[in-house]
Protein backbone atom coordinates (compact mmCIF):
# COMPACT_ATOMS: atom_id res chain seq x y z
CA ILE A 1 -3.42 14.05 28.10
CA GLU A 2 -5.40 13.11 31.10
CA GLU A 3 -7.41 10.62 29.86
CA VAL A 4 -6.06 6.95 29.95
CA ASN A 5 -9.40 4.93 29.75
CA THR A 6 -9.50 3.63 26.27
CA ASP A 7 -13.14 3.25 25.85
CA ALA A 8 -13.49 7.16 27.39
CA ILE A 9 -11.18 8.13 24.59
CA ILE A 10 -13.06 6.24 21.77
CA ASN A 11 -16.24 8.08 22.90
CA LYS A 12 -14.78 11.59 23.16
CA THR A 13 -13.15 11.28 19.71
CA LYS A 14 -16.25 10.25 17.72
CA PRO A 15 -18.19 13.59 18.43
CA LEU A 16 -15.22 15.40 17.90
CA ASN A 17 -14.71 13.99 14.43
CA THR A 18 -17.50 16.25 12.92
CA LYS A 19 -16.27 15.89 9.13
CA ASP A 20 -16.31 12.08 9.63
CA CYS A 21 -12.76 11.81 8.59
CA PRO A 22 -11.38 8.43 8.83
CA ILE A 23 -8.83 7.72 11.31
CA PHE A 24 -6.18 5.20 10.61
CA SER A 25 -4.01 3.78 13.47
CA LEU A 26 -0.74 1.86 13.50
CA ALA A 27 0.30 -0.21 16.30
CA PHE A 28 4.04 -0.50 16.35
CA GLY A 29 5.63 -3.50 18.03
CA TYR A 30 4.03 -6.24 20.43
CA GLY A 31 3.29 -3.89 23.35
CA ALA A 32 1.02 -1.77 21.43
CA ASP A 33 -2.67 -1.86 22.51
CA PHE A 34 -3.99 -3.07 19.01
CA ASN A 35 -7.24 -3.82 20.02
CA PHE A 36 -7.72 -0.04 21.32
CA LEU A 37 -6.54 1.10 18.17
CA ARG A 38 -8.75 -1.08 16.07
CA LYS A 39 -11.83 0.23 18.00
CA LEU A 40 -10.86 3.82 17.76
CA SER A 41 -10.44 3.50 13.79
CA LEU A 42 -13.44 1.40 13.22
CA SER A 43 -15.51 3.88 15.25
CA ASN A 44 -14.24 6.48 12.89
CA TYR A 45 -14.41 5.10 9.41
CA GLY A 46 -10.93 3.88 9.20
CA PHE A 47 -8.77 0.75 10.24
CA ALA A 48 -5.63 -0.17 12.09
CA ARG A 49 -2.67 -2.23 10.99
CA ASN A 50 0.03 -3.83 13.08
CA ILE A 51 3.60 -3.14 12.31
CA TYR A 52 5.45 -6.05 13.35
CA GLU A 53 8.75 -5.87 14.91
CA ALA A 54 10.26 -9.11 13.08
CA ALA A 55 9.43 -7.57 9.48
CA ASP A 56 10.56 -4.83 7.49
CA ALA A 57 8.72 -1.81 8.90
CA THR A 58 9.71 0.32 5.44
CA ASP A 59 7.69 -2.14 3.56
CA GLN A 60 4.78 -2.41 5.92
CA LEU A 61 4.32 1.26 6.08
CA LYS A 62 4.68 1.41 2.22
CA ASN A 63 1.85 -1.06 1.98
CA PHE A 64 -0.23 0.82 4.30
CA TYR A 65 0.17 4.23 2.46
CA LYS A 66 -0.44 2.24 -1.00
CA THR A 67 -3.79 1.33 0.71
CA ILE A 68 -4.91 4.49 2.09
CA SER A 69 -3.65 6.62 -0.64
CA SER A 70 -5.91 5.74 -3.32
CA PRO A 71 -9.45 5.30 -2.20
CA LEU A 72 -11.75 3.70 -4.82
CA LEU A 73 -15.05 5.11 -3.79
CA SER A 74 -16.36 7.46 -1.34
CA ASN A 75 -19.86 8.26 -0.02
CA VAL A 76 -21.08 4.64 -0.41
CA THR A 77 -24.66 4.12 0.50
CA PHE A 78 -26.82 0.88 0.10
CA THR A 79 -30.48 1.50 -0.48
CA TYR A 80 -33.41 -0.96 -0.48
CA LEU A 81 -36.85 -0.55 -1.88
CA PRO A 82 -39.54 0.23 0.64
CA GLY A 83 -40.63 -2.75 2.57
CA GLN A 84 -37.89 -5.04 1.24
CA VAL A 85 -35.45 -5.01 4.37
CA ASP A 86 -36.70 -4.90 8.17
CA ASN A 87 -34.64 -1.81 8.86
CA SER A 88 -34.55 -2.38 12.53
CA SER A 89 -32.57 -5.59 11.67
CA ARG A 90 -30.02 -4.04 9.17
CA THR A 91 -26.50 -3.16 9.86
CA LYS A 92 -24.76 0.07 8.89
CA ILE A 93 -25.67 1.07 5.16
CA ASP A 94 -23.44 4.19 4.68
CA PHE A 95 -19.59 3.97 4.23
CA PRO A 96 -17.51 7.01 3.75
CA VAL A 97 -14.65 5.41 1.98
CA PHE A 98 -13.92 2.08 0.20
CA PHE A 99 -10.37 1.03 -0.29
CA ASN A 100 -8.89 -1.18 -2.54
CA GLY A 101 -8.63 -4.59 -1.01
CA SER A 102 -11.31 -3.91 1.65
CA GLU A 103 -14.99 -5.07 1.63
CA LEU A 104 -18.28 -3.58 2.60
CA ALA A 105 -20.96 -5.90 4.17
CA VAL A 106 -24.51 -5.15 5.14
CA ALA A 107 -26.67 -7.47 6.79
CA GLY A 108 -30.31 -7.73 7.88
CA LYS A 109 -33.53 -9.68 7.64
CA ILE A 110 -35.21 -9.52 4.12
CA ASN A 111 -38.99 -9.10 4.20
C-alpha cells in the first residue's frame, strides 16, 4: 500500500464504496490509530470499536459481532413536509443501517 496519509485514504475509500456498504473498524491495543479508523468507518456508514489490551479480547469481539450481526432497520430516511424544515440547515437524513444500541439523529432549523 502506497498511501499513508489517513485523510487521503478516507477520501479515496468513499467513492470506491459504490454499494454504500458499512465499513466497521477494530482498533487493537493502545497503538492503533482509533481516530483514523473512526473517521473511515463513519464516512462509510459504519462505526469503530476499540479492543482493549487489558480486557478479554474474545468477549469484546463477541459483543462487536453481536451488534453488527443483526441490524434492526435498513435504508432509514427522515422526511419532512415541504416548508417545514430549512433544508440548507439540516444534517444527514438518510441512514443505510440502524443497529441495536445505536441512535439516529437529525438536526436542523424548523421554519
